[in-house]
Amino acid sequence: MIDKRKLHHLDFYLILNLCAIIGIGILNLISATSSLGSKTFVTKQLFALAIGLGLVMIILYFDYRIIVSNSLYLYILGLSILVLVFFLGASAGGAKRWFAFWGLSFQPSEFMKPILLVFLVKMVEDHLKTGSLLSFGDIVKPTFFTFLPAVTVFLQPDLGTACLLFLLCLSILSFVGMKRSTFISLVLGGVLIGILAWKWGLQPYQKLRILGLLNPDMDPSGFNYHARQAMIAVGSGKFFGKGYLCGTQHKLNFIPEHHTDFIFTVIAEEWGFLGSIVVFLLFGSLIMRCLKISKEASDETGSVLAFGCAALIFWQFSINVLMTLRFCPVVGIPLPFLSYGGSSLVGNLCLIGLVLNVNMRRYMF
């Protein structure tokens, strides 16, 4: 059991904020899947929510410093399972990212996000204590251990999650602080990797999605179909929306994957600009609360850990919404706590568990 004194230091503002987002997500999922004629989506999401809350309780039980100190074992386990997907994973839509059993699916890459985060914190811990800026040699190790799972995920293929892992690494290194020459070297290295990926790594359909962003009128019934229909749905909601359960674009299945990657189109269509702003404010409040906990953490380890959680939620939310609004290529990143997907929900709940852990032990050593 968790000490009652520790529970007293739980951040209930963060918990209520999260409950509001998850509540909207469940209601929105009911509407998004109503046209699919099955209630199993909501049932599975609620089941994943229960599992996620159980993992949050486990995370709260252990001091976050213990979790960070043992993160190498978590990293090895997570990377091993990622590799195992190539041999035992289930294929769907030309991708091999999941394990499927008993009617449920499990996507290991979603759990690699919090695992990589705690391992990155472990690798920069010494610099957090000294306050020294990171040199080029200092970033080689974190970058290399980010590169391994990112490439593995990229080959599944899952470009969105691979990019997200690199963005997490960049966020952590920037938070710790880099020398100017180190930052320039990192940026140039990223540009080089981007060029090599474009020439030899990206699949033809991935290249077309990027080109489609530059030319929105290119092939509107082909590779640009998702993005074009998403924009139509968002615009059709206008200011007040069409009303709950009254969206037509997703009910008529004009928007593929409207219950997963394009869940924001359902919000925008049914609740309009006003409802979308409410969602923006809730996520903004959640991220700012994580940053506040990061600032007030009792040590540098807790500070960078809470910041990394905020960064992951921020990047996922921003990329998903920008993708829906055609400011970003369609890369398949779910909207945290709102998109259908048990692995995504559980993985993001683990992030919240880590932030609550940091805040709960602010006055306990």
Protein backbone atom coordinates (compact mmCIF):
# COMPACT_ATOMS: atom_id res chain seq x y z
CA MET A 1 0.00 0.00 0.00
CA ILE A 2 1.06 3.62 -0.62
CA ASP A 3 1.75 5.71 2.46
CA LYS A 4 -1.22 8.02 3.17
CA ARG A 5 1.21 10.90 3.71
CA LYS A 6 2.39 10.45 0.13
CA LEU A 7 -1.17 10.33 -1.21
CA HIS A 8 -1.71 13.68 0.50
CA HIS A 9 0.83 15.17 -1.92
CA LEU A 10 -0.90 13.90 -5.05
CA ASP A 11 -1.67 16.73 -7.47
CA PHE A 12 -5.47 16.58 -7.60
CA TYR A 13 -5.61 19.48 -10.07
CA LEU A 14 -3.67 17.35 -12.55
CA ILE A 15 -5.89 14.35 -11.82
CA LEU A 16 -9.12 16.34 -12.35
CA ASN A 17 -7.68 17.86 -15.52
CA LEU A 18 -6.87 14.40 -16.83
CA CYS A 19 -10.32 13.07 -15.87
CA ALA A 20 -11.94 15.85 -17.90
CA ILE A 21 -9.86 14.94 -20.98
CA ILE A 22 -10.51 11.21 -20.62
CA GLY A 23 -14.24 11.85 -20.08
CA ILE A 24 -14.38 13.84 -23.31
CA GLY A 25 -12.42 11.07 -25.00
CA ILE A 26 -14.89 8.35 -24.00
CA LEU A 27 -17.92 10.43 -25.03
CA ASN A 28 -16.23 11.32 -28.30
CA LEU A 29 -15.31 7.69 -28.95
CA ILE A 30 -18.96 6.65 -28.49
CA SER A 31 -19.92 9.10 -31.23
CA ALA A 32 -16.97 8.25 -33.48
CA THR A 33 -17.72 4.51 -33.40
CA SER A 34 -21.53 4.74 -33.53
CA SER A 35 -21.45 4.37 -37.31
CA LEU A 36 -19.31 1.23 -37.04
CA GLY A 37 -22.12 -0.63 -35.29
CA SER A 38 -20.04 -2.04 -32.46
CA LYS A 39 -19.66 -1.22 -28.78
CA THR A 40 -16.45 -3.23 -28.43
CA PHE A 41 -14.32 -0.15 -29.14
CA VAL A 42 -15.57 1.64 -26.04
CA THR A 43 -15.42 -1.56 -23.99
CA LYS A 44 -11.80 -2.17 -24.97
CA GLN A 45 -10.92 1.46 -24.27
CA LEU A 46 -12.43 1.23 -20.78
CA PHE A 47 -10.54 -2.02 -20.22
CA ALA A 48 -7.29 -0.29 -21.24
CA LEU A 49 -8.17 2.59 -18.91
CA ALA A 50 -8.47 0.15 -16.00
CA ILE A 51 -5.09 -1.40 -16.86
CA GLY A 52 -3.53 2.04 -17.17
CA LEU A 53 -4.84 3.15 -13.79
CA GLY A 54 -3.44 -0.04 -12.28
CA LEU A 55 -0.02 0.73 -13.75
CA VAL A 56 -0.25 4.28 -12.39
CA MET A 57 -0.73 2.85 -8.90
CA ILE A 58 2.33 0.61 -9.38
CA ILE A 59 4.39 3.57 -10.59
CA LEU A 60 3.30 5.63 -7.58
CA TYR A 61 4.35 2.85 -5.21
CA PHE A 62 8.02 3.06 -6.26
CA ASP A 63 10.13 6.19 -5.81
CA TYR A 64 10.80 7.66 -9.26
CA ARG A 65 14.52 7.67 -8.47
CA ILE A 66 14.39 3.87 -8.14
CA ILE A 67 12.58 3.63 -11.49
CA VAL A 68 15.22 5.81 -13.15
CA SER A 69 18.13 3.90 -11.59
CA ASN A 70 16.74 0.61 -12.96
CA SER A 71 15.75 2.01 -16.34
CA LEU A 72 18.44 0.06 -18.23
CA TYR A 73 16.55 -3.17 -17.55
CA LEU A 74 13.31 -1.57 -18.73
CA TYR A 75 15.08 -0.34 -21.88
CA ILE A 76 16.48 -3.79 -22.71
CA LEU A 77 13.06 -5.35 -22.15
CA GLY A 78 11.29 -2.73 -24.28
CA LEU A 79 13.80 -2.97 -27.13
CA SER A 80 13.67 -6.77 -27.08
CA ILE A 81 9.89 -6.76 -27.38
CA LEU A 82 10.11 -4.25 -30.26
CA VAL A 83 12.43 -6.62 -32.14
CA LEU A 84 10.18 -9.58 -31.32
CA VAL A 85 7.33 -7.89 -33.20
CA PHE A 86 9.10 -8.66 -36.49
CA PHE A 87 8.88 -12.40 -35.74
CA LEU A 88 5.66 -12.84 -33.77
CA GLY A 89 3.72 -9.65 -34.48
CA ALA A 90 0.43 -9.32 -36.35
CA SER A 91 0.25 -7.52 -39.69
CA ALA A 92 -2.40 -4.97 -40.62
CA GLY A 93 -2.51 -2.34 -43.35
CA GLY A 94 0.98 -3.21 -44.56
CA ALA A 95 2.50 -2.68 -41.10
CA LYS A 96 3.69 -5.09 -38.44
CA ARG A 97 3.49 -3.23 -35.12
CA TRP A 98 1.26 -5.29 -32.84
CA PHE A 99 0.96 -8.47 -30.86
CA ALA A 100 -2.54 -9.90 -31.09
CA PHE A 101 -4.02 -12.36 -28.62
CA TRP A 102 -7.48 -13.16 -27.19
CA GLY A 103 -9.09 -10.53 -29.41
CA LEU A 104 -6.84 -7.78 -28.04
CA SER A 105 -3.80 -6.09 -29.56
CA PHE A 106 -0.69 -4.69 -27.92
CA GLN A 107 1.61 -2.11 -29.57
CA PRO A 108 5.06 -2.15 -27.88
CA SER A 109 6.21 1.13 -29.44
CA GLU A 110 3.70 3.04 -27.29
CA PHE A 111 5.40 1.75 -24.15
CA MET A 112 8.85 2.53 -25.51
CA LYS A 113 8.05 6.23 -25.12
CA PRO A 114 7.97 6.31 -21.28
CA ILE A 115 10.72 3.65 -21.11
CA LEU A 116 13.07 5.68 -23.30
CA LEU A 117 12.23 8.79 -21.27
CA VAL A 118 13.32 7.32 -17.93
CA PHE A 119 16.45 5.86 -19.56
CA LEU A 120 17.38 9.22 -21.08
CA VAL A 121 16.98 10.80 -17.64
CA LYS A 122 19.35 8.15 -16.28
CA MET A 123 21.97 8.96 -18.94
CA VAL A 124 21.96 12.73 -18.30
CA GLU A 125 21.73 12.45 -14.49
CA ASP A 126 25.42 13.24 -13.89
CA HIS A 127 25.20 16.45 -15.91
CA LEU A 128 22.07 17.46 -14.02
CA LYS A 129 24.07 17.37 -10.78
CA THR A 130 27.04 19.37 -12.10
CA GLY A 131 25.00 21.79 -14.20
CA SER A 132 27.56 21.58 -17.02
CA LEU A 133 26.50 22.05 -20.64
CA LEU A 134 26.49 18.97 -22.83
CA SER A 135 29.36 18.61 -25.28
CA PHE A 136 29.22 16.63 -28.51
CA GLY A 137 30.70 13.61 -26.75
CA ASP A 138 28.03 13.82 -24.06
CA ILE A 139 25.13 13.51 -26.51
CA VAL A 140 26.51 10.51 -28.41
CA LYS A 141 25.27 7.97 -25.85
CA PRO A 142 21.68 9.33 -25.48
CA THR A 143 21.40 9.76 -29.26
CA PHE A 144 22.64 6.23 -29.94
CA PHE A 145 20.22 4.63 -27.46
CA THR A 146 17.40 6.67 -29.01
CA PHE A 147 18.48 5.66 -32.50
CA LEU A 148 18.11 1.92 -31.80
CA PRO A 149 14.37 1.86 -30.90
CA ALA A 150 13.61 4.67 -33.38
CA VAL A 151 15.02 2.71 -36.32
CA THR A 152 13.31 -0.47 -35.12
CA VAL A 153 9.96 1.33 -34.98
CA PHE A 154 10.65 3.03 -38.34
CA LEU A 155 11.08 -0.38 -39.99
CA GLN A 156 7.69 -1.66 -38.74
CA PRO A 157 6.95 0.88 -40.42
CA ASP A 158 5.86 3.63 -38.02
CA LEU A 159 7.37 6.94 -39.06
CA GLY A 160 5.36 9.01 -36.58
CA THR A 161 6.51 7.19 -33.44
CA ALA A 162 10.11 7.05 -34.71
CA CYS A 163 10.12 10.84 -35.14
CA LEU A 164 8.51 11.23 -31.72
CA LEU A 165 11.35 9.30 -30.04
CA PHE A 166 13.91 11.63 -31.65
CA LEU A 167 11.88 14.67 -30.59
CA LEU A 168 11.86 13.33 -27.02
CA CYS A 169 15.65 12.96 -27.07
CA LEU A 170 16.09 16.48 -28.46
CA SER A 171 13.73 17.88 -25.83
CA ILE A 172 15.61 16.24 -22.95
CA LEU A 173 19.03 17.32 -24.26
CA SER A 174 17.78 20.89 -24.78
CA PHE A 175 16.33 20.98 -21.26
CA VAL A 176 19.63 19.85 -19.74
CA GLY A 177 21.51 22.37 -21.88
CA MET A 178 23.89 21.97 -24.80
CA LYS A 179 26.87 23.95 -26.01
CA ARG A 180 26.13 25.94 -29.13
CA SER A 181 28.50 23.82 -31.21
CA THR A 182 26.79 20.67 -29.91
CA PHE A 183 23.35 21.95 -30.85
CA ILE A 184 24.53 22.89 -34.36
CA SER A 185 26.11 19.46 -34.79
CA LEU A 186 22.88 17.80 -33.66
CA VAL A 187 20.80 19.83 -36.11
CA LEU A 188 23.18 19.08 -39.01
CA GLY A 189 23.11 15.41 -38.08
CA GLY A 190 19.31 15.48 -38.11
CA VAL A 191 19.30 17.10 -41.56
CA LEU A 192 21.69 14.43 -42.82
CA ILE A 193 19.52 11.62 -41.42
CA GLY A 194 16.47 13.27 -43.04
CA ILE A 195 18.20 13.34 -46.44
CA LEU A 196 19.32 9.71 -46.15
CA ALA A 197 15.84 8.66 -45.00
CA TRP A 198 14.24 10.44 -47.97
CA LYS A 199 16.63 8.80 -50.42
CA TRP A 200 16.70 5.26 -49.07
CA GLY A 201 14.46 4.88 -46.00
CA LEU A 202 10.98 6.30 -46.67
CA GLN A 203 8.34 4.22 -48.38
CA PRO A 204 6.78 5.72 -51.56
CA TYR A 205 3.48 6.42 -49.78
CA GLN A 206 5.35 8.28 -47.00
CA LYS A 207 7.06 10.50 -49.57
CA LEU A 208 3.72 11.19 -51.24
CA ARG A 209 2.22 12.30 -47.92
CA ILE A 210 5.01 14.85 -47.49
CA LEU A 211 4.64 16.05 -51.08
CA GLY A 212 0.89 16.25 -50.54
CA LEU A 213 1.48 18.68 -47.68
CA LEU A 214 3.34 20.97 -50.08
CA ASN A 215 0.67 20.59 -52.76
CA PRO A 216 -2.78 20.10 -51.16
CA ASP A 217 -4.55 19.74 -54.53
CA MET A 218 -2.38 16.82 -55.62
CA ASP A 219 -4.33 13.54 -56.02
CA PRO A 220 -7.33 14.47 -53.79
CA SER A 221 -8.88 11.00 -54.17
CA GLY A 222 -5.63 9.13 -53.52
CA PHE A 223 -2.86 9.73 -50.98
CA ASN A 224 -4.23 13.21 -50.16
CA TYR A 225 -7.71 11.86 -49.40
CA HIS A 226 -7.27 11.56 -45.61
CA ALA A 227 -6.00 15.10 -45.14
CA ARG A 228 -8.55 16.64 -47.51
CA GLN A 229 -11.55 14.95 -45.86
CA ALA A 230 -10.22 15.87 -42.42
CA MET A 231 -10.17 19.54 -43.39
CA ILE A 232 -13.72 19.32 -44.75
CA ALA A 233 -14.93 17.79 -41.48
CA VAL A 234 -13.16 20.39 -39.33
CA GLY A 235 -14.52 23.26 -41.43
CA SER A 236 -18.06 21.87 -41.44
CA GLY A 237 -18.25 22.20 -37.64
CA LYS A 238 -18.03 26.00 -37.89
CA PHE A 239 -18.25 27.81 -34.52
CA PHE A 240 -20.74 25.79 -32.44
CA GLY A 241 -20.58 22.45 -34.25
CA LYS A 242 -23.34 20.17 -35.46
CA GLY A 243 -24.07 18.73 -32.02
CA TYR A 244 -23.14 15.55 -30.19
CA LEU A 245 -23.79 12.39 -32.24
CA CYS A 246 -24.81 14.58 -35.19
CA GLY A 247 -21.58 14.58 -37.19
CA THR A 248 -22.12 13.51 -40.78
CA GLN A 249 -18.62 13.32 -42.24
CA HIS A 250 -17.45 10.56 -39.91
CA LYS A 251 -20.83 8.77 -39.73
CA LEU A 252 -20.81 8.43 -43.52
CA ASN A 253 -17.19 7.18 -43.29
CA PHE A 254 -15.74 9.94 -45.43
CA ILE A 255 -12.84 10.12 -42.95
CA PRO A 256 -10.78 6.93 -42.64
CA GLU A 257 -9.50 6.14 -39.14
CA HIS A 258 -11.76 8.82 -37.64
CA HIS A 259 -11.79 7.00 -34.28
CA THR A 260 -7.98 6.74 -34.06
CA ASP A 261 -5.54 9.14 -35.75
CA PHE A 262 -8.25 11.54 -36.96
CA ILE A 263 -10.35 11.64 -33.79
CA PHE A 264 -9.95 15.44 -33.64
CA THR A 265 -12.13 15.74 -36.75
CA VAL A 266 -15.06 14.29 -34.77
CA ILE A 267 -14.54 16.88 -32.01
CA ALA A 268 -14.28 19.75 -34.47
CA GLU A 269 -17.29 18.64 -36.51
CA GLU A 270 -19.65 18.01 -33.59
CA TRP A 271 -18.46 20.67 -31.14
CA GLY A 272 -17.09 23.23 -33.57
CA PHE A 273 -14.45 25.86 -32.92
CA LEU A 274 -15.77 26.43 -29.39
CA GLY A 275 -15.43 22.77 -28.39
CA SER A 276 -12.02 22.55 -30.02
CA ILE A 277 -10.82 25.51 -27.94
CA VAL A 278 -12.01 23.76 -24.76
CA VAL A 279 -9.92 20.71 -25.70
CA PHE A 280 -6.94 22.98 -26.44
CA LEU A 281 -7.29 24.67 -23.05
CA LEU A 282 -7.53 21.35 -21.21
CA PHE A 283 -4.38 20.04 -22.85
CA GLY A 284 -2.62 23.35 -22.35
CA SER A 285 -3.54 23.25 -18.67
CA LEU A 286 -2.34 19.64 -18.36
CA ILE A 287 1.02 20.39 -19.96
CA MET A 288 1.52 23.58 -17.93
CA ARG A 289 0.77 21.65 -14.73
CA CYS A 290 3.41 19.08 -15.65
CA LEU A 291 5.89 21.90 -16.24
CA LYS A 292 4.98 23.45 -12.88
CA ILE A 293 5.67 20.14 -11.16
CA SER A 294 8.96 19.96 -13.08
CA LYS A 295 9.95 23.41 -11.82
CA GLU A 296 9.04 22.61 -8.20
CA ALA A 297 10.56 19.10 -8.10
CA SER A 298 12.81 18.30 -5.15
CA ASP A 299 15.76 17.31 -7.36
CA GLU A 300 17.07 17.59 -10.91
CA THR A 301 16.09 14.02 -11.76
CA GLY A 302 12.45 14.67 -10.95
CA SER A 303 12.55 17.97 -12.78
CA VAL A 304 13.78 16.55 -16.08
CA LEU A 305 11.49 13.52 -15.73
CA ALA A 306 8.35 15.66 -15.36
CA PHE A 307 9.54 17.91 -18.18
CA GLY A 308 10.01 14.88 -20.45
CA CYS A 309 6.45 13.74 -19.74
CA ALA A 310 5.16 17.21 -20.61
CA ALA A 311 7.24 17.21 -23.80
CA LEU A 312 5.89 13.83 -24.94
CA ILE A 313 2.27 14.87 -24.39
CA PHE A 314 2.92 18.22 -26.10
CA TRP A 315 4.53 16.69 -29.19
CA GLN A 316 1.82 14.04 -29.59
CA PHE A 317 -0.99 16.56 -29.23
CA SER A 318 0.62 19.17 -31.49
CA ILE A 319 1.57 16.78 -34.30
CA ASN A 320 -1.85 15.09 -34.31
CA VAL A 321 -3.78 18.37 -34.48
CA LEU A 322 -1.39 19.91 -37.03
CA MET A 323 -1.74 16.72 -39.10
CA THR A 324 -5.53 17.08 -39.02
CA LEU A 325 -5.31 20.75 -40.01
CA ARG A 326 -2.85 19.96 -42.85
CA PHE A 327 0.09 21.77 -41.30
CA CYS A 328 1.94 18.48 -40.87
CA PRO A 329 2.21 15.29 -42.97
CA VAL A 330 -0.06 12.38 -42.03
CA VAL A 331 2.29 10.31 -39.85
CA GLY A 332 -0.11 8.31 -37.69
CA ILE A 333 0.38 9.73 -34.20
CA PRO A 334 -2.71 9.27 -31.97
CA LEU A 335 -4.21 12.11 -29.95
CA PRO A 336 -3.28 11.43 -26.29
CA PHE A 337 -6.18 10.15 -24.12
CA LEU A 338 -8.69 10.80 -26.93
CA SER A 339 -7.81 8.47 -29.82
CA TYR A 340 -9.00 4.89 -29.70
CA GLY A 341 -6.10 2.60 -28.84
CA GLY A 342 -5.42 0.82 -25.58
CA SER A 343 -1.64 0.84 -25.89
CA SER A 344 -1.56 4.59 -26.48
CA LEU A 345 -3.89 5.24 -23.55
CA VAL A 346 -1.92 3.03 -21.15
CA GLY A 347 1.42 4.47 -22.28
CA ASN A 348 0.27 8.04 -21.74
CA LEU A 349 -1.25 7.18 -18.35
CA CYS A 350 2.22 5.92 -17.37
CA LEU A 351 3.54 9.40 -18.17
CA ILE A 352 0.97 10.96 -15.85
CA GLY A 353 1.90 8.40 -13.20
CA LEU A 354 5.54 9.51 -13.40
CA VAL A 355 4.58 13.19 -13.04
CA LEU A 356 2.35 12.42 -10.04
CA ASN A 357 5.21 10.38 -8.57
CA VAL A 358 7.58 13.36 -8.82
CA ASN A 359 5.09 15.71 -7.17
CA MET A 360 4.08 13.22 -4.47
CA ARG A 361 7.68 12.89 -3.25
CA ARG A 362 8.55 16.58 -3.31
CA TYR A 363 8.89 16.69 0.47
CA MET A 364 10.03 13.10 1.02
CA PHE A 365 13.57 11.80 0.63
